[in-house]
PDB file of N, CA and C in Angstrom:
ATOM      1  N   UNK A   1     -23.678   4.419  38.891  1.00  0.00           N
ATOM      2  CA  UNK A   1     -23.722   4.382  37.465  1.00  0.00           C
ATOM      3  C   UNK A   1     -22.446   5.023  36.905  1.00  0.00           C
ATOM      4  N   UNK A   2     -21.756   4.287  36.026  1.00  0.00           N
ATOM      5  CA  UNK A   2     -20.511   4.790  35.440  1.00  0.00           C
ATOM      6  C   UNK A   2     -20.804   5.614  34.199  1.00  0.00           C
ATOM      7  N   UNK A   3     -20.059   6.706  34.032  1.00  0.00           N
ATOM      8  CA  UNK A   3     -20.253   7.487  32.803  1.00  0.00           C
ATOM      9  C   UNK A   3     -19.678   6.723  31.610  1.00  0.00           C
ATOM     10  N   UNK A   4     -20.309   6.879  30.500  1.00  0.00           N
ATOM     11  CA  UNK A   4     -19.818   6.202  29.297  1.00  0.00           C
ATOM     12  C   UNK A   4     -18.596   6.943  28.768  1.00  0.00           C
ATOM     13  N   UNK A   5     -17.564   6.190  28.408  1.00  0.00           N
ATOM     14  CA  UNK A   5     -16.360   6.847  27.889  1.00  0.00           C
ATOM     15  C   UNK A   5     -16.635   7.421  26.504  1.00  0.00           C
ATOM     16  N   UNK A   6     -15.968   8.515  26.184  1.00  0.00           N
ATOM     17  CA  UNK A   6     -16.159   9.088  24.846  1.00  0.00           C
ATOM     18  C   UNK A   6     -15.616   8.130  23.782  1.00  0.00           C
ATOM     19  N   UNK A   7     -16.165   8.217  22.612  1.00  0.00           N
ATOM     20  CA  UNK A   7     -15.699   7.357  21.521  1.00  0.00           C
ATOM     21  C   UNK A   7     -14.253   7.675  21.192  1.00  0.00           C
ATOM     22  N   UNK A   8     -13.431   6.664  21.315  1.00  0.00           N
ATOM     23  CA  UNK A   8     -12.025   6.844  20.998  1.00  0.00           C
ATOM     24  C   UNK A   8     -11.835   6.688  19.505  1.00  0.00           C
ATOM     25  N   UNK A   9     -11.098   7.619  18.929  1.00  0.00           N
ATOM     26  CA  UNK A   9     -10.815   7.510  17.506  1.00  0.00           C
ATOM     27  C   UNK A   9      -9.662   6.537  17.327  1.00  0.00           C
ATOM     28  N   UNK A  10      -9.904   5.538  16.519  1.00  0.00           N
ATOM     29  CA  UNK A  10      -8.869   4.545  16.266  1.00  0.00           C
ATOM     30  C   UNK A  10      -8.088   4.967  15.034  1.00  0.00           C
ATOM     31  N   UNK A  11      -6.775   5.061  15.168  1.00  0.00           N
ATOM     32  CA  UNK A  11      -6.004   5.461  13.987  1.00  0.00           C
ATOM     33  C   UNK A  11      -6.023   4.358  12.941  1.00  0.00           C
ATOM     34  N   UNK A  12      -6.309   4.721  11.706  1.00  0.00           N
ATOM     35  CA  UNK A  12      -6.314   3.731  10.644  1.00  0.00           C
ATOM     36  C   UNK A  12      -5.343   4.103   9.542  1.00  0.00           C
ATOM     37  N   UNK A  13      -4.345   4.892   9.889  1.00  0.00           N
ATOM     38  CA  UNK A  13      -3.324   5.245   8.902  1.00  0.00           C
ATOM     39  C   UNK A  13      -2.168   4.249   8.904  1.00  0.00           C
ATOM     40  N   UNK A  14      -2.184   3.269   9.812  1.00  0.00           N
ATOM     41  CA  UNK A  14      -1.074   2.322   9.874  1.00  0.00           C
ATOM     42  C   UNK A  14      -0.974   1.456   8.627  1.00  0.00           C
ATOM     43  N   UNK A  15      -2.071   1.100   7.922  1.00  0.00           N
ATOM     44  CA  UNK A  15      -1.871   0.318   6.692  1.00  0.00           C
ATOM     45  C   UNK A  15      -1.072   1.096   5.638  1.00  0.00           C
ATOM     46  N   UNK A  16      -1.328   2.384   5.539  1.00  0.00           N
ATOM     47  CA  UNK A  16      -0.600   3.199   4.569  1.00  0.00           C
ATOM     48  C   UNK A  16       0.875   3.289   4.930  1.00  0.00           C
ATOM     49  N   UNK A  17       1.173   3.542   6.195  1.00  0.00           N
ATOM     50  CA  UNK A  17       2.566   3.632   6.620  1.00  0.00           C
ATOM     51  C   UNK A  17       3.285   2.291   6.440  1.00  0.00           C
ATOM     52  N   UNK A  18       2.606   1.210   6.763  1.00  0.00           N
ATOM     53  CA  UNK A  18       3.199  -0.115   6.602  1.00  0.00           C
ATOM     54  C   UNK A  18       3.497  -0.415   5.139  1.00  0.00           C
ATOM     55  N   UNK A  19       2.549  -0.113   4.256  1.00  0.00           N
ATOM     56  CA  UNK A  19       2.737  -0.402   2.846  1.00  0.00           C
ATOM     57  C   UNK A  19       3.805   0.470   2.206  1.00  0.00           C
ATOM     58  N   UNK A  20       3.875   1.714   2.590  1.00  0.00           N
ATOM     59  CA  UNK A  20       4.933   2.569   2.045  1.00  0.00           C
ATOM     60  C   UNK A  20       6.304   2.113   2.541  1.00  0.00           C
ATOM     61  N   UNK A  21       6.362   1.651   3.782  1.00  0.00           N
ATOM     62  CA  UNK A  21       7.610   1.084   4.292  1.00  0.00           C
ATOM     63  C   UNK A  21       7.999  -0.186   3.544  1.00  0.00           C
ATOM     64  N   UNK A  22       7.009  -1.039   3.272  1.00  0.00           N
ATOM     65  CA  UNK A  22       7.284  -2.254   2.501  1.00  0.00           C
ATOM     66  C   UNK A  22       7.705  -1.922   1.077  1.00  0.00           C
ATOM     67  N   UNK A  23       7.159  -0.855   0.519  1.00  0.00           N
ATOM     68  CA  UNK A  23       7.540  -0.428  -0.825  1.00  0.00           C
ATOM     69  C   UNK A  23       8.995   0.030  -0.860  1.00  0.00           C
ATOM     70  N   UNK A  24       9.415   0.743   0.160  1.00  0.00           N
ATOM     71  CA  UNK A  24      10.817   1.176   0.241  1.00  0.00           C
ATOM     72  C   UNK A  24      11.733  -0.035   0.406  1.00  0.00           C
ATOM     73  N   UNK A  25      11.336  -0.964   1.268  1.00  0.00           N
ATOM     74  CA  UNK A  25      12.142  -2.174   1.455  1.00  0.00           C
ATOM     75  C   UNK A  25      12.217  -2.994   0.167  1.00  0.00           C
ATOM     76  N   UNK A  26      11.119  -3.055  -0.574  1.00  0.00           N
ATOM     77  CA  UNK A  26      11.112  -3.794  -1.837  1.00  0.00           C
ATOM     78  C   UNK A  26      12.035  -3.140  -2.852  1.00  0.00           C
ATOM     79  N   UNK A  27      12.053  -1.815  -2.885  1.00  0.00           N
ATOM     80  CA  UNK A  27      12.934  -1.114  -3.813  1.00  0.00           C
ATOM     81  C   UNK A  27      14.397  -1.377  -3.464  1.00  0.00           C
ATOM     82  N   UNK A  28      14.692  -1.429  -2.182  1.00  0.00           N
ATOM     83  CA  UNK A  28      16.064  -1.714  -1.770  1.00  0.00           C
ATOM     84  C   UNK A  28      16.432  -3.173  -2.030  1.00  0.00           C
ATOM     85  N   UNK A  29      15.495  -4.074  -1.790  1.00  0.00           N
ATOM     86  CA  UNK A  29      15.781  -5.497  -1.952  1.00  0.00           C
ATOM     87  C   UNK A  29      15.924  -5.903  -3.417  1.00  0.00           C
ATOM     88  N   UNK A  30      15.173  -5.261  -4.306  1.00  0.00           N
ATOM     89  CA  UNK A  30      15.244  -5.618  -5.723  1.00  0.00           C
ATOM     90  C   UNK A  30      16.375  -4.906  -6.435  1.00  0.00           C
ATOM     91  N   UNK A  31      17.088  -4.054  -5.744  1.00  0.00           N
ATOM     92  CA  UNK A  31      18.177  -3.323  -6.374  1.00  0.00           C
ATOM     93  C   UNK A  31      17.679  -2.330  -7.405  1.00  0.00           C
ATOM     94  N   UNK A  32      16.483  -1.802  -7.196  1.00  0.00           N
ATOM     95  CA  UNK A  32      15.851  -0.829  -8.080  1.00  0.00           C
ATOM     96  C   UNK A  32      15.673  -1.393  -9.489  1.00  0.00           C
ATOM     97  N   UNK A  33      15.403  -2.684  -9.600  1.00  0.00           N
ATOM     98  CA  UNK A  33      15.082  -3.299 -10.876  1.00  0.00           C
ATOM     99  C   UNK A  33      13.608  -3.030 -11.165  1.00  0.00           C
ATOM    100  N   UNK A  34      13.299  -2.275 -12.226  1.00  0.00           N
ATOM    101  CA  UNK A  34      11.903  -1.883 -12.466  1.00  0.00           C
ATOM    102  C   UNK A  34      10.946  -3.062 -12.650  1.00  0.00           C
ATOM    103  N   UNK A  35      11.391  -4.133 -13.301  1.00  0.00           N
ATOM    104  CA  UNK A  35      10.514  -5.283 -13.508  1.00  0.00           C
ATOM    105  C   UNK A  35      10.150  -5.975 -12.210  1.00  0.00           C
ATOM    106  N   UNK A  36      11.131  -6.199 -11.364  1.00  0.00           N
ATOM    107  CA  UNK A  36      10.883  -6.857 -10.076  1.00  0.00           C
ATOM    108  C   UNK A  36      10.073  -5.955  -9.151  1.00  0.00           C
ATOM    109  N   UNK A  37      10.354  -4.662  -9.197  1.00  0.00           N
ATOM    110  CA  UNK A  37       9.620  -3.725  -8.351  1.00  0.00           C
ATOM    111  C   UNK A  37       8.154  -3.639  -8.774  1.00  0.00           C
ATOM    112  N   UNK A  38       7.899  -3.704 -10.067  1.00  0.00           N
ATOM    113  CA  UNK A  38       6.514  -3.670 -10.546  1.00  0.00           C
ATOM    114  C   UNK A  38       5.735  -4.885 -10.051  1.00  0.00           C
ATOM    115  N   UNK A  39       6.379  -6.047 -10.027  1.00  0.00           N
ATOM    116  CA  UNK A  39       5.718  -7.258  -9.528  1.00  0.00           C
ATOM    117  C   UNK A  39       5.408  -7.110  -8.040  1.00  0.00           C
ATOM    118  N   UNK A  40       6.342  -6.577  -7.274  1.00  0.00           N
ATOM    119  CA  UNK A  40       6.130  -6.390  -5.834  1.00  0.00           C
ATOM    120  C   UNK A  40       4.996  -5.391  -5.595  1.00  0.00           C
ATOM    121  N   UNK A  41       4.932  -4.347  -6.394  1.00  0.00           N
ATOM    122  CA  UNK A  41       3.875  -3.343  -6.246  1.00  0.00           C
ATOM    123  C   UNK A  41       2.508  -3.969  -6.492  1.00  0.00           C
ATOM    124  N   UNK A  42       2.388  -4.763  -7.534  1.00  0.00           N
ATOM    125  CA  UNK A  42       1.106  -5.403  -7.830  1.00  0.00           C
ATOM    126  C   UNK A  42       0.736  -6.393  -6.732  1.00  0.00           C
ATOM    127  N   UNK A  43       1.713  -7.126  -6.212  1.00  0.00           N
ATOM    128  CA  UNK A  43       1.440  -8.078  -5.121  1.00  0.00           C
ATOM    129  C   UNK A  43       0.966  -7.328  -3.875  1.00  0.00           C
ATOM    130  N   UNK A  44       1.598  -6.207  -3.552  1.00  0.00           N
ATOM    131  CA  UNK A  44       1.159  -5.411  -2.398  1.00  0.00           C
ATOM    132  C   UNK A  44      -0.264  -4.891  -2.598  1.00  0.00           C
ATOM    133  N   UNK A  45      -0.596  -4.468  -3.802  1.00  0.00           N
ATOM    134  CA  UNK A  45      -1.943  -3.967  -4.070  1.00  0.00           C
ATOM    135  C   UNK A  45      -2.973  -5.087  -3.938  1.00  0.00           C
ATOM    136  N   UNK A  46      -2.635  -6.279  -4.408  1.00  0.00           N
ATOM    137  CA  UNK A  46      -3.557  -7.418  -4.288  1.00  0.00           C
ATOM    138  C   UNK A  46      -3.742  -7.807  -2.823  1.00  0.00           C
ATOM    139  N   UNK A  47      -2.670  -7.799  -2.057  1.00  0.00           N
ATOM    140  CA  UNK A  47      -2.769  -8.115  -0.629  1.00  0.00           C
ATOM    141  C   UNK A  47      -3.656  -7.100   0.080  1.00  0.00           C
ATOM    142  N   UNK A  48      -3.527  -5.824  -0.284  1.00  0.00           N
ATOM    143  CA  UNK A  48      -4.378  -4.793   0.312  1.00  0.00           C
ATOM    144  C   UNK A  48      -5.833  -4.980  -0.076  1.00  0.00           C
ATOM    145  N   UNK A  49      -6.094  -5.384  -1.315  1.00  0.00           N
ATOM    146  CA  UNK A  49      -7.468  -5.613  -1.744  1.00  0.00           C
ATOM    147  C   UNK A  49      -8.077  -6.788  -0.978  1.00  0.00           C
ATOM    148  N   UNK A  50      -7.292  -7.835  -0.768  1.00  0.00           N
ATOM    149  CA  UNK A  50      -7.776  -8.985   0.008  1.00  0.00           C
ATOM    150  C   UNK A  50      -8.033  -8.572   1.458  1.00  0.00           C
ATOM    151  N   UNK A  51      -7.134  -7.767   2.016  1.00  0.00           N
ATOM    152  CA  UNK A  51      -7.317  -7.298   3.390  1.00  0.00           C
ATOM    153  C   UNK A  51      -8.557  -6.417   3.496  1.00  0.00           C
ATOM    154  N   UNK A  52      -8.828  -5.613   2.467  1.00  0.00           N
ATOM    155  CA  UNK A  52     -10.040  -4.788   2.473  1.00  0.00           C
ATOM    156  C   UNK A  52     -11.283  -5.666   2.446  1.00  0.00           C
ATOM    157  N   UNK A  53     -11.249  -6.742   1.669  1.00  0.00           N
ATOM    158  CA  UNK A  53     -12.384  -7.653   1.626  1.00  0.00           C
ATOM    159  C   UNK A  53     -12.615  -8.347   2.951  1.00  0.00           C
ATOM    160  N   UNK A  54     -11.544  -8.765   3.595  1.00  0.00           N
ATOM    161  CA  UNK A  54     -11.670  -9.443   4.891  1.00  0.00           C
ATOM    162  C   UNK A  54     -12.207  -8.489   5.951  1.00  0.00           C
ATOM    163  N   UNK A  55     -11.697  -7.264   5.962  1.00  0.00           N
ATOM    164  CA  UNK A  55     -12.184  -6.305   6.960  1.00  0.00           C
ATOM    165  C   UNK A  55     -13.608  -5.851   6.653  1.00  0.00           C
ATOM    166  N   UNK A  56     -14.015  -5.906   5.377  1.00  0.00           N
ATOM    167  CA  UNK A  56     -15.402  -5.577   5.043  1.00  0.00           C
ATOM    168  C   UNK A  56     -16.344  -6.627   5.621  1.00  0.00           C
ATOM    169  N   UNK A  57     -15.910  -7.878   5.605  1.00  0.00           N
ATOM    170  CA  UNK A  57     -16.734  -8.943   6.180  1.00  0.00           C
ATOM    171  C   UNK A  57     -16.860  -8.809   7.695  1.00  0.00           C
ATOM    172  N   UNK A  58     -15.828  -8.255   8.327  1.00  0.00           N
ATOM    173  CA  UNK A  58     -15.880  -8.088   9.778  1.00  0.00           C
ATOM    174  C   UNK A  58     -16.610  -6.815  10.188  1.00  0.00           C
ATOM    175  N   UNK A  59     -16.930  -5.950   9.214  1.00  0.00           N
ATOM    176  CA  UNK A  59     -17.717  -4.762   9.512  1.00  0.00           C
ATOM    177  C   UNK A  59     -16.927  -3.535   9.919  1.00  0.00           C
ATOM    178  N   UNK A  60     -15.635  -3.559   9.764  1.00  0.00           N
ATOM    179  CA  UNK A  60     -14.809  -2.401  10.144  1.00  0.00           C
ATOM    180  C   UNK A  60     -14.561  -1.546   8.908  1.00  0.00           C
ATOM    181  N   UNK A  61     -15.506  -0.691   8.589  1.00  0.00           N
ATOM    182  CA  UNK A  61     -15.470   0.044   7.333  1.00  0.00           C
ATOM    183  C   UNK A  61     -14.328   1.062   7.266  1.00  0.00           C
ATOM    184  N   UNK A  62     -13.906   1.607   8.403  1.00  0.00           N
ATOM    185  CA  UNK A  62     -12.801   2.564   8.340  1.00  0.00           C
ATOM    186  C   UNK A  62     -11.500   1.872   7.921  1.00  0.00           C
ATOM    187  N   UNK A  63     -11.342   0.602   8.266  1.00  0.00           N
ATOM    188  CA  UNK A  63     -10.173  -0.143   7.803  1.00  0.00           C
ATOM    189  C   UNK A  63     -10.300  -0.527   6.335  1.00  0.00           C
ATOM    190  N   UNK A  64     -11.521  -0.764   5.878  1.00  0.00           N
ATOM    191  CA  UNK A  64     -11.731  -1.050   4.460  1.00  0.00           C
ATOM    192  C   UNK A  64     -11.264   0.137   3.624  1.00  0.00           C
ATOM    193  N   UNK A  65     -11.670   1.326   4.031  1.00  0.00           N
ATOM    194  CA  UNK A  65     -11.253   2.541   3.323  1.00  0.00           C
ATOM    195  C   UNK A  65      -9.739   2.700   3.382  1.00  0.00           C
ATOM    196  N   UNK A  66      -9.156   2.415   4.545  1.00  0.00           N
ATOM    197  CA  UNK A  66      -7.703   2.551   4.692  1.00  0.00           C
ATOM    198  C   UNK A  66      -6.964   1.590   3.768  1.00  0.00           C
ATOM    199  N   UNK A  67      -7.416   0.351   3.670  1.00  0.00           N
ATOM    200  CA  UNK A  67      -6.742  -0.623   2.808  1.00  0.00           C
ATOM    201  C   UNK A  67      -6.941  -0.311   1.331  1.00  0.00           C
ATOM    202  N   UNK A  68      -8.123   0.165   0.960  1.00  0.00           N
ATOM    203  CA  UNK A  68      -8.353   0.517  -0.442  1.00  0.00           C
ATOM    204  C   UNK A  68      -7.501   1.712  -0.840  1.00  0.00           C
ATOM    205  N   UNK A  69      -7.472   2.735   0.002  1.00  0.00           N
ATOM    206  CA  UNK A  69      -6.624   3.896  -0.298  1.00  0.00           C
ATOM    207  C   UNK A  69      -5.148   3.516  -0.325  1.00  0.00           C
ATOM    208  N   UNK A  70      -4.765   2.625   0.565  1.00  0.00           N
ATOM    209  CA  UNK A  70      -3.379   2.174   0.589  1.00  0.00           C
ATOM    210  C   UNK A  70      -3.028   1.426  -0.691  1.00  0.00           C
ATOM    211  N   UNK A  71      -3.931   0.580  -1.171  1.00  0.00           N
ATOM    212  CA  UNK A  71      -3.683  -0.149  -2.418  1.00  0.00           C
ATOM    213  C   UNK A  71      -3.545   0.821  -3.585  1.00  0.00           C
ATOM    214  N   UNK A  72      -4.410   1.821  -3.641  1.00  0.00           N
ATOM    215  CA  UNK A  72      -4.337   2.793  -4.731  1.00  0.00           C
ATOM    216  C   UNK A  72      -3.045   3.609  -4.679  1.00  0.00           C
ATOM    217  N   UNK A  73      -2.659   4.023  -3.484  1.00  0.00           N
ATOM    218  CA  UNK A  73      -1.432   4.812  -3.367  1.00  0.00           C
ATOM    219  C   UNK A  73      -0.190   3.986  -3.671  1.00  0.00           C
ATOM    220  N   UNK A  74      -0.184   2.722  -3.256  1.00  0.00           N
ATOM    221  CA  UNK A  74       0.953   1.857  -3.569  1.00  0.00           C
ATOM    222  C   UNK A  74       1.063   1.689  -5.078  1.00  0.00           C
ATOM    223  N   UNK A  75      -0.079   1.493  -5.751  1.00  0.00           N
ATOM    224  CA  UNK A  75      -0.050   1.365  -7.205  1.00  0.00           C
ATOM    225  C   UNK A  75       0.447   2.648  -7.869  1.00  0.00           C
ATOM    226  N   UNK A  76      -0.090   3.793  -7.449  1.00  0.00           N
ATOM    227  CA  UNK A  76       0.309   5.059  -8.059  1.00  0.00           C
ATOM    228  C   UNK A  76       1.779   5.371  -7.825  1.00  0.00           C
ATOM    229  N   UNK A  77       2.210   5.252  -6.588  1.00  0.00           N
ATOM    230  CA  UNK A  77       3.595   5.597  -6.260  1.00  0.00           C
ATOM    231  C   UNK A  77       4.557   4.564  -6.825  1.00  0.00           C
ATOM    232  N   UNK A  78       4.258   3.292  -6.624  1.00  0.00           N
ATOM    233  CA  UNK A  78       5.162   2.238  -7.070  1.00  0.00           C
ATOM    234  C   UNK A  78       5.321   2.181  -8.572  1.00  0.00           C
ATOM    235  N   UNK A  79       4.204   2.182  -9.290  1.00  0.00           N
ATOM    236  CA  UNK A  79       4.301   2.127 -10.740  1.00  0.00           C
ATOM    237  C   UNK A  79       4.838   3.434 -11.318  1.00  0.00           C
ATOM    238  N   UNK A  80       4.601   4.536 -10.628  1.00  0.00           N
ATOM    239  CA  UNK A  80       5.196   5.810 -11.045  1.00  0.00           C
ATOM    240  C   UNK A  80       6.709   5.781 -10.908  1.00  0.00           C
ATOM    241  N   UNK A  81       7.190   5.187  -9.838  1.00  0.00           N
ATOM    242  CA  UNK A  81       8.644   5.052  -9.651  1.00  0.00           C
ATOM    243  C   UNK A  81       9.229   4.137 -10.722  1.00  0.00           C
ATOM    244  N   UNK A  82       8.520   3.047 -11.039  1.00  0.00           N
ATOM    245  CA  UNK A  82       8.998   2.140 -12.093  1.00  0.00           C
ATOM    246  C   UNK A  82       9.067   2.865 -13.430  1.00  0.00           C
ATOM    247  N   UNK A  83       8.053   3.649 -13.742  1.00  0.00           N
ATOM    248  CA  UNK A  83       8.053   4.390 -15.009  1.00  0.00           C
ATOM    249  C   UNK A  83       9.175   5.414 -15.045  1.00  0.00           C
ATOM    250  N   UNK A  84       9.425   6.046 -13.921  1.00  0.00           N
ATOM    251  CA  UNK A  84      10.514   7.021 -13.859  1.00  0.00           C
ATOM    252  C   UNK A  84      11.862   6.343 -14.047  1.00  0.00           C
ATOM    253  N   UNK A  85      12.036   5.185 -13.433  1.00  0.00           N
ATOM    254  CA  UNK A  85      13.304   4.465 -13.597  1.00  0.00           C
ATOM    255  C   UNK A  85      13.484   4.001 -15.038  1.00  0.00           C
ATOM    256  N   UNK A  86      12.410   3.543 -15.671  1.00  0.00           N
ATOM    257  CA  UNK A  86      12.506   3.101 -17.057  1.00  0.00           C
ATOM    258  C   UNK A  86      12.780   4.264 -18.003  1.00  0.00           C
ATOM    259  N   UNK A  87      12.209   5.438 -17.713  1.00  0.00           N
ATOM    260  CA  UNK A  87      12.440   6.574 -18.600  1.00  0.00           C
ATOM    261  C   UNK A  87      13.862   7.114 -18.463  1.00  0.00           C
ATOM    262  N   UNK A  88      14.479   6.911 -17.335  1.00  0.00           N
ATOM    263  CA  UNK A  88      15.851   7.392 -17.127  1.00  0.00           C
ATOM    264  C   UNK A  88      16.900   6.446 -17.684  1.00  0.00           C
ATOM    265  N   UNK A  89      16.496   5.272 -18.146  1.00  0.00           N
ATOM    266  CA  UNK A  89      17.454   4.321 -18.694  1.00  0.00           C
ATOM    267  C   UNK A  89      17.949   4.746 -20.074  1.00  0.00           C
ATOM    268  N   UNK A  90      17.209   5.558 -20.738  1.00  0.00           N
ATOM    269  CA  UNK A  90      17.629   6.030 -22.061  1.00  0.00           C
ATOM    270  C   UNK A  90      17.424   4.980 -23.118  1.00  0.00           C
ATOM    271  N   UNK A  91      18.003   5.217 -24.281  1.00  0.00           N
ATOM    272  CA  UNK A  91      17.843   4.295 -25.394  1.00  0.00           C
ATOM    273  C   UNK A  91      18.739   3.083 -25.227  1.00  0.00           C
ATOM    274  N   UNK A  92      18.122   1.958 -24.949  1.00  0.00           N
ATOM    275  CA  UNK A  92      18.891   0.725 -24.793  1.00  0.00           C
ATOM    276  C   UNK A  92      18.670  -0.138 -26.029  1.00  0.00           C
ATOM    277  N   UNK A  93      19.726  -0.472 -26.710  1.00  0.00           N
ATOM    278  CA  UNK A  93      19.600  -1.262 -27.942  1.00  0.00           C
ATOM    279  C   UNK A  93      20.263  -2.599 -27.770  1.00  0.00           C
TER     280      UNK A  93
END
């Protein structure tokens, strides 16, 4: 009789790291244009929400939480960066 292996903890922080990396790449690719960056941020959040729905159907709840938290953090960080860039532009007439 073989002993049962202990439950291995599966890391689920990779969605967050991947999305933050994609956010940095998007900022570099858009040339720090706040309008284009805001669109990329919303698209990343929607993709994460869809991924959370798909993983919810497969029953992997720890990944659902990871994708939802990743979507929220991408929105907070990305839109915060856009707001900061817009506030630093000063009075444009």
